[in-house]
Amino acid sequence: MYENVIYCGAGKFVSHGEWIHPDRTINSYELIFVLDGTVYINEDNIQYQLKKNDMLLLEPTLRHFGYKKSNNTSFFWVHFTGLPKTNSKLKYQTIADTYNLSLLFKQLLHYRSENQTAECLDYLTRLILIEVFSLKRQDTNKIVSEAVAWITANRDIILKVEQVSEHFGYNADYISRLFKANYGKPLKEYIDHVKLNYIKQMLLTSNVSLTDIAYNTGFDDYKYFLKFFKYHEGITPTQFLKSYPKTHVNKK
């Protein structure tokens, strides 16, 4: 489905202060994934207000431009050609679990800076599109669906199984079995999975210190934060950051 997709260019845009998207018409697709701030884009007389974790697909030959100034924004972007028209229907969406997409962009930008082959960059671009456009499995169980949303909303604190079960008024063993049936892992493992992805998302997309990341993800004890990460990931946060250190950053 994506075998004809060809990478054209990619980067991480960062603005310090006011910025507005240039007025232009290009011959390639552009996928924008917002990391911070708000981006105001008009494409073909339709206005989009993109906030953190929002994704927009800009299409070739359609004029697009900023219709309002932004402040202190950042986003990943990739230009490519060859996307089948049937897949362009998902123009705009908010990405619920952003870690995988952020990691793929970091890999793409790292290998771009390493002057990897065009074939390598094509494949990574296709993986980004697969992640963005793949149909997300819908939970058939309402309890699980609501619990997932609540856990995600509270990923900046340390959650326990008992807190989740008490919040929804169900026995801890019962709700854990529901998660096992829907996600292949019990509730405790799912909570840790969401927490770990949130930490890795911050490591990949923010410039704050490790101590600040620990605090912002609910860890009062920095040593426990390091222990938690290494237990689940097998490496330290610093080693994780060193995996894909090179990122092309543009400011215009």
Protein backbone atom coordinates (compact mmCIF):
# COMPACT_ATOMS: atom_id res chain seq x y z
CA MET A 1 0.00 0.00 0.00
CA TYR A 2 2.87 2.37 0.78
CA GLU A 3 5.48 0.89 -1.57
CA ASN A 4 5.39 3.97 -3.84
CA VAL A 5 5.99 6.47 -1.02
CA ILE A 6 9.26 8.35 -1.54
CA TYR A 7 10.93 10.48 1.14
CA CYS A 8 11.66 14.10 0.12
CA GLY A 9 12.78 15.79 3.33
CA ALA A 10 12.17 15.95 7.09
CA GLY A 11 13.06 17.92 10.17
CA LYS A 12 12.01 19.31 13.51
CA PHE A 13 10.77 22.89 13.39
CA VAL A 14 11.29 25.10 16.45
CA SER A 15 10.22 28.73 16.78
CA HIS A 16 11.23 30.99 19.65
CA GLY A 17 8.74 33.82 19.76
CA GLU A 18 6.29 34.70 17.00
CA TRP A 19 6.13 32.70 13.76
CA ILE A 20 3.67 32.19 10.92
CA HIS A 21 3.66 29.38 8.36
CA PRO A 22 4.77 30.58 4.88
CA ASP A 23 2.26 30.92 2.04
CA ARG A 24 3.07 28.28 -0.57
CA THR A 25 1.95 25.54 -2.93
CA ILE A 26 4.18 22.46 -3.21
CA ASN A 27 4.21 19.24 -5.20
CA SER A 28 4.63 16.86 -2.27
CA TYR A 29 2.64 15.80 0.75
CA GLU A 30 3.68 17.22 4.12
CA LEU A 31 2.86 15.53 7.39
CA ILE A 32 3.03 17.79 10.47
CA PHE A 33 3.03 16.40 14.01
CA VAL A 34 2.84 19.13 16.67
CA LEU A 35 5.02 18.82 19.77
CA ASP A 36 4.32 22.14 21.47
CA GLY A 37 2.36 25.34 20.99
CA THR A 38 -0.39 25.98 18.44
CA VAL A 39 0.01 26.02 14.66
CA TYR A 40 -2.59 27.85 12.54
CA ILE A 41 -2.79 26.59 8.94
CA ASN A 42 -5.24 27.29 6.15
CA GLU A 43 -5.31 24.73 3.34
CA ASP A 44 -7.69 25.11 0.41
CA ASN A 45 -9.81 27.62 2.41
CA ILE A 46 -10.13 25.30 5.42
CA GLN A 47 -8.61 26.50 8.69
CA TYR A 48 -6.85 24.09 11.05
CA GLN A 49 -5.79 24.93 14.61
CA LEU A 50 -3.18 22.33 15.53
CA LYS A 51 -2.24 21.80 19.16
CA LYS A 52 0.14 19.43 20.92
CA ASN A 53 -0.20 15.82 19.66
CA ASP A 54 -2.24 16.92 16.62
CA MET A 55 -1.35 15.68 13.13
CA LEU A 56 -2.21 17.27 9.80
CA LEU A 57 -1.60 15.97 6.28
CA LEU A 58 -1.08 18.77 3.74
CA GLU A 59 -1.71 17.68 0.14
CA PRO A 60 0.25 18.51 -3.01
CA THR A 61 -0.86 21.34 -5.32
CA LEU A 62 -3.17 22.78 -2.63
CA ARG A 63 -2.19 26.24 -1.36
CA HIS A 64 -1.52 26.37 2.38
CA PHE A 65 -0.44 29.21 4.65
CA GLY A 66 -0.52 30.42 8.23
CA TYR A 67 -3.64 32.43 8.94
CA LYS A 68 -2.53 33.54 12.40
CA LYS A 69 0.78 34.01 14.21
CA SER A 70 1.99 31.30 16.60
CA ASN A 71 4.22 31.60 19.64
CA ASN A 72 6.94 29.16 20.73
CA THR A 73 5.86 26.26 18.57
CA SER A 74 7.61 23.05 17.60
CA PHE A 75 6.66 20.16 15.35
CA PHE A 76 8.08 17.27 13.36
CA TRP A 77 7.57 17.44 9.61
CA VAL A 78 8.20 15.14 6.67
CA HIS A 79 7.71 15.71 2.93
CA PHE A 80 7.02 12.75 0.65
CA THR A 81 5.32 11.69 -2.57
CA GLY A 82 3.43 8.60 -3.69
CA LEU A 83 0.68 8.35 -1.07
CA PRO A 84 -2.42 6.60 -2.50
CA LYS A 85 -5.37 8.97 -2.63
CA THR A 86 -7.53 6.53 -0.67
CA ASN A 87 -5.34 7.14 2.39
CA SER A 88 -5.58 10.93 2.36
CA LYS A 89 -9.00 10.87 4.03
CA LEU A 90 -7.43 11.10 7.49
CA LYS A 91 -6.42 14.73 7.13
CA TYR A 92 -6.41 15.69 10.77
CA GLN A 93 -6.38 13.77 14.01
CA THR A 94 -5.12 13.86 17.56
CA ILE A 95 -2.65 11.08 18.28
CA ALA A 96 -3.61 9.32 21.52
CA ASP A 97 -0.40 7.37 22.13
CA THR A 98 2.37 9.57 20.75
CA TYR A 99 5.47 7.58 21.71
CA ASN A 100 5.67 5.33 18.63
CA LEU A 101 5.23 8.23 16.24
CA SER A 102 7.79 10.37 18.07
CA LEU A 103 10.30 7.51 18.03
CA LEU A 104 9.83 6.95 14.29
CA PHE A 105 10.41 10.64 13.60
CA LYS A 106 13.54 10.63 15.77
CA GLN A 107 14.83 7.59 13.88
CA LEU A 108 14.11 9.24 10.55
CA LEU A 109 15.89 12.46 11.52
CA HIS A 110 18.82 10.58 13.04
CA TYR A 111 19.40 8.47 9.94
CA ARG A 112 18.90 11.51 7.71
CA SER A 113 21.75 13.21 9.58
CA GLU A 114 23.80 10.03 9.23
CA ASN A 115 23.43 10.29 5.43
CA GLN A 116 21.72 6.93 5.17
CA THR A 117 20.55 5.59 1.82
CA ALA A 118 17.42 6.91 0.15
CA GLU A 119 15.88 3.45 0.52
CA CYS A 120 16.33 3.60 4.31
CA LEU A 121 14.64 7.01 4.50
CA ASP A 122 11.82 5.81 2.24
CA TYR A 123 11.14 2.86 4.54
CA LEU A 124 11.13 5.01 7.67
CA THR A 125 8.71 7.46 6.05
CA ARG A 126 6.43 4.55 5.18
CA LEU A 127 6.56 3.34 8.78
CA ILE A 128 5.47 6.79 9.95
CA LEU A 129 2.50 6.67 7.59
CA ILE A 130 1.59 3.16 8.71
CA GLU A 131 1.63 4.35 12.33
CA VAL A 132 -0.50 7.40 11.56
CA PHE A 133 -3.06 5.82 9.25
CA SER A 134 -3.39 2.32 10.63
CA LEU A 135 -6.82 1.61 12.06
CA LYS A 136 -6.65 1.63 15.83
CA ARG A 137 -8.36 -1.27 17.50
CA GLN A 138 -11.57 -0.21 19.16
CA ASP A 139 -12.23 -1.56 22.64
CA THR A 140 -15.43 -3.56 22.76
CA ASN A 141 -15.57 -3.26 26.54
CA LYS A 142 -16.83 0.11 27.79
CA ILE A 143 -15.14 -0.27 31.19
CA VAL A 144 -11.74 -0.83 29.57
CA SER A 145 -12.22 2.03 27.13
CA GLU A 146 -13.05 4.48 29.92
CA ALA A 147 -10.23 3.17 32.12
CA VAL A 148 -7.71 3.60 29.31
CA ALA A 149 -8.75 7.23 28.85
CA TRP A 150 -8.51 7.88 32.60
CA ILE A 151 -5.10 6.21 32.95
CA THR A 152 -3.78 8.23 30.01
CA ALA A 153 -5.14 11.47 31.49
CA ASN A 154 -3.38 10.68 34.80
CA ARG A 155 -0.07 9.44 33.42
CA ASP A 156 1.71 12.34 35.16
CA ILE A 157 1.10 10.77 38.60
CA ILE A 158 1.95 7.38 40.09
CA LEU A 159 -1.16 5.25 39.66
CA LYS A 160 -1.87 1.97 41.42
CA VAL A 161 -4.27 -0.78 40.40
CA GLU A 162 -6.37 -0.10 43.50
CA GLN A 163 -6.84 3.56 42.53
CA VAL A 164 -8.14 2.61 39.09
CA SER A 165 -10.48 -0.08 40.41
CA GLU A 166 -11.82 2.23 43.15
CA HIS A 167 -12.37 5.07 40.67
CA PHE A 168 -14.53 2.86 38.46
CA GLY A 169 -16.10 0.87 41.29
CA TYR A 170 -14.94 -2.59 40.25
CA ASN A 171 -12.93 -5.33 41.91
CA ALA A 172 -9.21 -5.01 41.12
CA ASP A 173 -8.91 -8.62 39.94
CA TYR A 174 -11.96 -8.25 37.68
CA ILE A 175 -10.78 -5.08 35.93
CA SER A 176 -7.27 -6.53 35.60
CA ARG A 177 -8.70 -9.58 33.82
CA LEU A 178 -10.59 -7.27 31.46
CA PHE A 179 -7.32 -5.55 30.53
CA LYS A 180 -5.65 -8.90 30.04
CA ALA A 181 -8.43 -9.93 27.65
CA ASN A 182 -8.36 -6.64 25.69
CA TYR A 183 -4.66 -5.75 25.72
CA GLY A 184 -2.88 -9.00 26.48
CA LYS A 185 -1.50 -7.63 29.75
CA PRO A 186 -2.99 -7.14 33.22
CA LEU A 187 -3.83 -3.69 34.55
CA LYS A 188 -0.56 -3.17 36.45
CA GLU A 189 1.48 -3.86 33.32
CA TYR A 190 -0.74 -1.58 31.26
CA ILE A 191 -0.31 1.29 33.76
CA ASP A 192 3.48 0.81 33.63
CA HIS A 193 3.33 0.69 29.81
CA VAL A 194 1.52 4.04 29.63
CA LYS A 195 3.90 5.59 32.16
CA LEU A 196 7.00 4.33 30.34
CA ASN A 197 5.78 5.60 26.98
CA TYR A 198 5.04 8.98 28.53
CA ILE A 199 8.58 9.17 29.92
CA LYS A 200 10.10 8.17 26.58
CA GLN A 201 7.90 10.69 24.79
CA MET A 202 9.29 13.46 27.02
CA LEU A 203 12.85 12.21 26.52
CA LEU A 204 12.42 12.31 22.74
CA THR A 205 10.63 15.63 22.37
CA SER A 206 11.55 17.93 25.27
CA ASN A 207 14.74 19.65 26.35
CA VAL A 208 14.13 19.55 30.10
CA SER A 209 16.46 17.79 32.54
CA LEU A 210 16.02 14.20 33.68
CA THR A 211 15.14 15.39 37.17
CA ASP A 212 12.37 17.57 35.73
CA ILE A 213 11.08 14.67 33.64
CA ALA A 214 11.03 12.49 36.76
CA TYR A 215 9.07 15.15 38.64
CA ASN A 216 6.69 15.80 35.73
CA THR A 217 5.87 12.10 35.46
CA GLY A 218 5.03 11.69 39.13
CA PHE A 219 8.30 10.48 40.66
CA ASP A 220 9.28 12.21 43.90
CA ASP A 221 12.31 9.92 44.23
CA TYR A 222 14.75 10.41 41.33
CA LYS A 223 16.56 7.14 42.06
CA TYR A 224 13.26 5.27 41.86
CA PHE A 225 12.59 6.97 38.51
CA LEU A 226 15.92 5.69 37.17
CA LYS A 227 15.26 2.24 38.61
CA PHE A 228 11.76 2.12 37.07
CA PHE A 229 13.05 3.09 33.63
CA LYS A 230 15.98 0.66 33.61
CA TYR A 231 13.82 -2.20 34.91
CA HIS A 232 11.33 -1.82 32.06
CA GLU A 233 13.60 -0.62 29.25
CA GLY A 234 16.84 -2.45 30.08
CA ILE A 235 18.89 0.75 29.73
CA THR A 236 19.14 4.09 31.54
CA PRO A 237 17.32 7.23 30.31
CA THR A 238 20.69 8.68 29.26
CA GLN A 239 21.51 5.60 27.20
CA PHE A 240 18.07 5.80 25.63
CA LEU A 241 18.67 9.44 24.63
CA LYS A 242 21.98 8.52 23.02
CA SER A 243 20.29 6.04 20.69
CA TYR A 244 19.10 8.73 18.22
CA PRO A 245 20.94 11.93 19.10
CA LYS A 246 20.98 13.68 15.73
CA THR A 247 18.01 15.82 14.72
CA HIS A 248 17.74 18.38 11.94
CA VAL A 249 16.17 21.53 13.40
CA ASN A 250 14.87 24.42 11.31
CA LYS A 251 13.53 27.78 12.45
CA LYS A 252 11.90 29.13 9.28
